[in-house]
N, C-alpha and C. Protein backbone atom coordinates (compact mmCIF):
# COMPACT_ATOMS: atom_id res chain seq x y z
N MET A 1 66.39 34.01 -17.09
CA MET A 1 65.58 33.31 -17.54
C MET A 1 65.55 31.86 -16.42
N ASN A 2 63.92 31.41 -15.77
CA ASN A 2 64.14 30.70 -14.76
C ASN A 2 63.26 29.19 -15.62
N ALA A 3 64.79 28.29 -15.61
CA ALA A 3 63.96 26.97 -15.81
C ALA A 3 63.46 25.86 -15.26
N LEU A 4 62.49 25.31 -15.52
CA LEU A 4 61.95 24.41 -14.89
C LEU A 4 63.06 23.13 -14.28
N THR A 5 63.25 22.79 -13.30
CA THR A 5 63.37 21.14 -13.25
C THR A 5 63.35 20.50 -13.41
N GLY A 6 63.80 19.01 -13.60
CA GLY A 6 63.12 17.92 -13.95
C GLY A 6 62.27 17.41 -13.27
N MET A 7 61.52 17.89 -11.80
CA MET A 7 60.96 17.06 -10.85
C MET A 7 59.80 18.37 -11.14
N GLU A 8 60.32 19.54 -11.19
CA GLU A 8 58.87 20.89 -11.25
C GLU A 8 58.32 20.51 -12.33
N LYS A 9 58.87 19.73 -13.46
CA LYS A 9 58.50 19.37 -15.13
C LYS A 9 56.97 18.21 -14.84
N PHE A 10 58.03 17.63 -14.15
CA PHE A 10 56.71 16.15 -13.57
C PHE A 10 55.68 16.44 -12.75
N SER A 11 56.35 17.43 -11.64
CA SER A 11 54.82 17.59 -10.70
C SER A 11 53.88 18.86 -11.67
N HIS A 12 54.32 19.16 -12.55
CA HIS A 12 53.55 20.36 -13.22
C HIS A 12 52.48 19.76 -14.44
N LEU A 13 53.33 17.99 -14.82
CA LEU A 13 52.62 17.07 -15.27
C LEU A 13 51.41 16.40 -14.63
N GLU A 14 52.10 16.30 -13.74
CA GLU A 14 51.18 15.16 -12.78
C GLU A 14 49.95 15.92 -12.42
N ASP A 15 50.54 17.11 -12.25
CA ASP A 15 48.81 17.96 -12.21
C ASP A 15 47.78 18.27 -13.02
N LYS A 16 48.21 18.50 -14.66
CA LYS A 16 47.33 18.42 -15.16
C LYS A 16 47.08 17.04 -15.44
N ILE A 17 47.29 16.29 -15.34
CA ILE A 17 47.00 15.23 -15.66
C ILE A 17 45.49 14.55 -14.35
N TYR A 18 46.04 15.17 -13.29
CA TYR A 18 44.72 14.87 -12.01
C TYR A 18 43.72 16.49 -12.64
N LEU A 19 43.85 17.44 -12.71
CA LEU A 19 43.39 18.08 -13.59
C LEU A 19 42.38 17.45 -14.27
N THR A 20 43.20 16.77 -15.38
CA THR A 20 42.40 15.94 -16.19
C THR A 20 41.64 14.82 -16.08
N VAL A 21 42.19 14.40 -14.91
CA VAL A 21 40.75 12.78 -14.42
C VAL A 21 39.80 13.38 -13.91
N GLN A 22 39.80 14.36 -12.99
CA GLN A 22 38.52 15.53 -12.43
C GLN A 22 37.59 15.68 -13.69
N TYR A 23 38.05 16.10 -14.40
CA TYR A 23 36.93 16.73 -15.86
C TYR A 23 36.64 15.63 -16.10
N VAL A 24 37.31 14.50 -16.42
CA VAL A 24 36.50 13.47 -17.13
C VAL A 24 35.51 12.93 -16.12
N GLN A 25 35.74 13.02 -14.77
CA GLN A 25 35.15 12.26 -13.79
C GLN A 25 33.78 13.00 -13.73
N ASN A 26 33.88 14.41 -13.83
CA ASN A 26 32.89 15.38 -13.56
C ASN A 26 31.54 15.25 -15.10
N LEU A 27 32.71 15.08 -16.24
CA LEU A 27 31.75 15.08 -17.73
C LEU A 27 30.78 13.52 -17.53
N ARG A 28 31.62 12.63 -16.60
CA ARG A 28 30.85 11.12 -16.85
C ARG A 28 29.51 11.62 -15.77
N GLU A 29 29.90 12.10 -14.74
CA GLU A 29 28.70 12.42 -13.63
C GLU A 29 27.46 13.48 -14.17
N ASP A 30 28.11 14.25 -15.05
CA ASP A 30 26.34 15.07 -15.25
C ASP A 30 26.46 14.40 -16.62
N ARG A 31 26.77 13.33 -17.07
CA ARG A 31 26.74 12.17 -18.06
C ARG A 31 25.10 11.77 -18.10
N ASP A 32 26.06 11.07 -16.57
CA ASP A 32 24.82 10.00 -15.89
C ASP A 32 23.27 10.77 -15.42
N GLU A 33 23.82 11.77 -14.55
CA GLU A 33 23.04 12.88 -14.43
C GLU A 33 21.63 13.14 -15.71
N ILE A 34 22.13 13.71 -16.62
CA ILE A 34 21.86 14.24 -17.90
C ILE A 34 20.86 12.80 -18.23
N ALA A 35 21.24 11.55 -18.28
CA ALA A 35 20.49 10.63 -18.73
C ALA A 35 19.36 9.98 -17.90
N ALA A 36 19.66 10.00 -16.77
CA ALA A 36 18.39 9.82 -15.63
C ALA A 36 17.51 10.95 -15.97
N LYS A 37 17.59 12.30 -15.80
CA LYS A 37 16.77 13.17 -16.27
C LYS A 37 16.02 12.92 -17.90
N TYR A 38 16.84 12.50 -18.82
CA TYR A 38 16.04 12.46 -19.81
C TYR A 38 14.96 10.55 -19.64
N LYS A 39 15.53 9.81 -18.84
CA LYS A 39 14.92 8.58 -18.97
C LYS A 39 13.35 8.96 -18.41
N GLN A 40 13.68 9.58 -17.15
CA GLN A 40 12.44 10.20 -16.39
C GLN A 40 11.64 11.01 -16.90
N ILE A 41 12.43 11.99 -17.71
CA ILE A 41 11.27 12.65 -18.74
C ILE A 41 10.71 12.13 -19.91
N SER A 42 11.28 11.26 -20.16
CA SER A 42 10.71 9.82 -20.99
C SER A 42 9.63 9.41 -21.14
N ALA A 43 9.40 8.92 -19.41
CA ALA A 43 8.42 8.05 -19.18
C ALA A 43 7.36 9.48 -18.83
N GLU A 44 7.72 10.52 -18.67
CA GLU A 44 6.62 11.35 -17.70
C GLU A 44 6.01 12.00 -19.03
N ASN A 45 6.46 11.50 -20.47
CA ASN A 45 6.12 12.18 -21.51
C ASN A 45 5.07 11.05 -22.18
N GLU A 46 5.57 9.80 -22.16
CA GLU A 46 4.50 9.01 -22.56
C GLU A 46 3.39 8.85 -21.38
N GLU A 47 3.25 8.99 -20.06
CA GLU A 47 2.25 8.93 -19.48
C GLU A 47 1.54 9.94 -19.99
N LEU A 48 1.96 11.21 -19.94
CA LEU A 48 1.29 12.34 -20.56
C LEU A 48 0.53 11.94 -22.06
N ILE A 49 0.94 11.72 -23.14
CA ILE A 49 1.06 10.97 -24.20
C ILE A 49 -0.31 10.27 -23.90
N ALA A 50 -0.24 9.41 -23.36
CA ALA A 50 -1.55 8.69 -22.88
C ALA A 50 -2.61 8.78 -22.21
N GLU A 51 -2.24 10.04 -21.36
CA GLU A 51 -3.73 10.54 -20.91
C GLU A 51 -4.37 11.72 -21.93
N ARG A 52 -2.63 12.03 -22.67
CA ARG A 52 -4.16 12.78 -23.65
C ARG A 52 -5.02 12.23 -24.75
N ASP A 53 -4.63 10.79 -25.13
CA ASP A 53 -5.26 9.96 -25.95
C ASP A 53 -6.10 9.75 -25.49
N GLN A 54 -6.41 9.40 -23.87
CA GLN A 54 -7.35 8.92 -23.24
C GLN A 54 -8.53 10.20 -23.15
N LEU A 55 -8.23 11.25 -22.98
CA LEU A 55 -9.07 12.71 -22.86
C LEU A 55 -9.53 12.56 -24.30
N GLU A 56 -8.39 12.72 -25.40
CA GLU A 56 -9.18 12.86 -26.94
C GLU A 56 -10.72 11.68 -27.15
N ALA A 57 -10.12 10.50 -26.34
CA ALA A 57 -11.48 9.77 -26.76
C ALA A 57 -12.43 10.49 -25.82
N THR A 58 -12.29 10.61 -24.72
CA THR A 58 -13.37 11.16 -23.89
C THR A 58 -13.48 12.36 -24.10
N LEU A 59 -13.28 14.10 -24.73
CA LEU A 59 -13.85 14.19 -25.90
C LEU A 59 -14.47 13.74 -26.82
N SER A 60 -14.44 13.18 -27.67
CA SER A 60 -14.86 12.51 -28.67
C SER A 60 -16.43 11.83 -28.61
N ARG A 61 -16.15 10.68 -27.34
CA ARG A 61 -17.53 10.12 -26.76
C ARG A 61 -18.12 11.53 -26.29
N LEU A 62 -17.94 12.31 -25.51
CA LEU A 62 -18.78 13.64 -25.07
C LEU A 62 -19.32 14.29 -26.21
N LEU A 63 -18.82 14.66 -27.33
CA LEU A 63 -19.01 15.10 -28.37
C LEU A 63 -20.29 14.51 -29.06
N ASN A 64 -20.14 13.04 -29.46
CA ASN A 64 -20.57 12.03 -30.09
C ASN A 64 -22.66 12.11 -28.66
N GLU A 65 -22.36 11.89 -27.72
CA GLU A 65 -23.17 12.20 -26.93
C GLU A 65 -23.53 13.69 -26.54
N ARG A 66 -23.37 14.65 -26.86
CA ARG A 66 -24.02 15.65 -26.97
C ARG A 66 -24.86 15.78 -28.75
N ASP A 67 -24.42 15.31 -29.69
CA ASP A 67 -25.00 15.27 -30.57
C ASP A 67 -26.20 14.64 -31.07
N ALA A 68 -26.33 13.74 -30.22
CA ALA A 68 -27.23 12.58 -29.73
C ALA A 68 -28.55 13.16 -29.77
N VAL A 69 -27.71 14.13 -28.10
CA VAL A 69 -29.13 14.46 -27.33
C VAL A 69 -29.64 15.72 -28.55
N GLN A 70 -28.58 16.63 -28.97
CA GLN A 70 -29.14 17.94 -29.64
C GLN A 70 -30.25 17.01 -30.36
N LEU A 71 -30.10 15.99 -31.18
CA LEU A 71 -30.94 15.43 -32.51
C LEU A 71 -32.19 15.14 -31.38
N LYS A 72 -32.16 14.39 -30.27
CA LYS A 72 -33.42 13.67 -29.55
C LYS A 72 -34.17 15.02 -29.50
N VAL A 73 -33.55 15.96 -28.52
CA VAL A 73 -34.37 17.13 -28.33
C VAL A 73 -34.54 18.10 -29.55
N GLU A 74 -34.49 18.27 -30.72
CA GLU A 74 -34.79 18.75 -31.47
C GLU A 74 -35.97 17.91 -32.23
N GLY A 75 -35.83 16.57 -32.01
CA GLY A 75 -36.91 15.83 -32.39
C GLY A 75 -38.33 16.03 -31.36
N MET A 76 -37.56 15.88 -30.41
CA MET A 76 -39.10 16.71 -29.45
C MET A 76 -39.31 17.68 -29.82
N LEU A 77 -39.30 18.95 -29.71
CA LEU A 77 -39.48 19.90 -30.38
C LEU A 77 -40.00 20.09 -31.23
N GLU A 78 -39.99 19.37 -32.72
CA GLU A 78 -40.52 19.29 -33.67
C GLU A 78 -41.75 18.16 -33.82
N SER A 79 -41.81 17.47 -32.18
CA SER A 79 -43.10 16.83 -32.26
C SER A 79 -43.96 17.86 -31.73
N LEU A 80 -43.33 18.77 -30.52
CA LEU A 80 -44.60 19.49 -30.27
C LEU A 80 -45.09 20.36 -31.02
N ARG A 81 -43.86 20.49 -31.89
CA ARG A 81 -44.96 21.95 -32.39
C ARG A 81 -45.52 21.23 -33.55
N ARG A 82 -45.23 19.87 -34.14
CA ARG A 82 -46.68 19.52 -35.12
C ARG A 82 -48.09 19.33 -33.62
N VAL A 83 -47.86 19.06 -32.49
CA VAL A 83 -49.39 18.82 -31.79
C VAL A 83 -49.42 20.08 -31.48
N ASP A 84 -48.82 21.07 -31.15
CA ASP A 84 -49.72 22.79 -30.32
C ASP A 84 -48.49 23.56 -31.09
N PRO A 85 -48.47 24.11 -31.83
CA PRO A 85 -47.82 25.21 -32.43
C PRO A 85 -48.16 26.52 -31.11
N ALA A 86 -48.85 26.90 -30.68
CA ALA A 86 -49.24 27.70 -29.61
C ALA A 86 -48.03 27.35 -28.59
N VAL A 87 -47.71 26.27 -28.00
CA VAL A 87 -46.59 25.95 -27.48
C VAL A 87 -45.24 26.16 -27.32
N MET A 88 -45.01 26.00 -29.27
CA MET A 88 -43.45 26.14 -29.15
C MET A 88 -43.15 27.87 -29.43
N GLU A 89 -44.56 28.90 -29.50
CA GLU A 89 -44.72 30.48 -29.79
C GLU A 89 -43.93 30.97 -28.22
N ALA A 90 -44.48 29.79 -27.48
CA ALA A 90 -44.39 30.13 -25.81
C ALA A 90 -42.54 30.18 -25.48
N PHE A 91 -42.23 29.23 -25.96
CA PHE A 91 -40.79 28.94 -26.04
C PHE A 91 -39.71 29.50 -27.18
N GLY A 92 -40.56 30.39 -27.74
CA GLY A 92 -39.85 31.06 -28.87
C GLY A 92 -39.47 30.21 -29.73
N ALA A 93 -39.42 29.50 -30.32
CA ALA A 93 -38.87 28.38 -31.07
C ALA A 93 -39.32 28.59 -32.56
């Protein structure tokens, strides 16, 4: 059996400690990188939410305007129908 000397054991322990320190440093770097990405994604998400809210408001406004125009057109067509039914037949209404 080949027994390790005291210096060899110490050197082996030193290598393990060095590798552990490197591993911890890599984990910290990864954590910092992930935290930075998370912060960036969170900011982008907030911007997208604000944009979505703005688009929803615009869509709602446009739908309301469309409904108002539709009511006005229907009112005008009804007025035309009362004035001259033959004109409405030409439009197919």
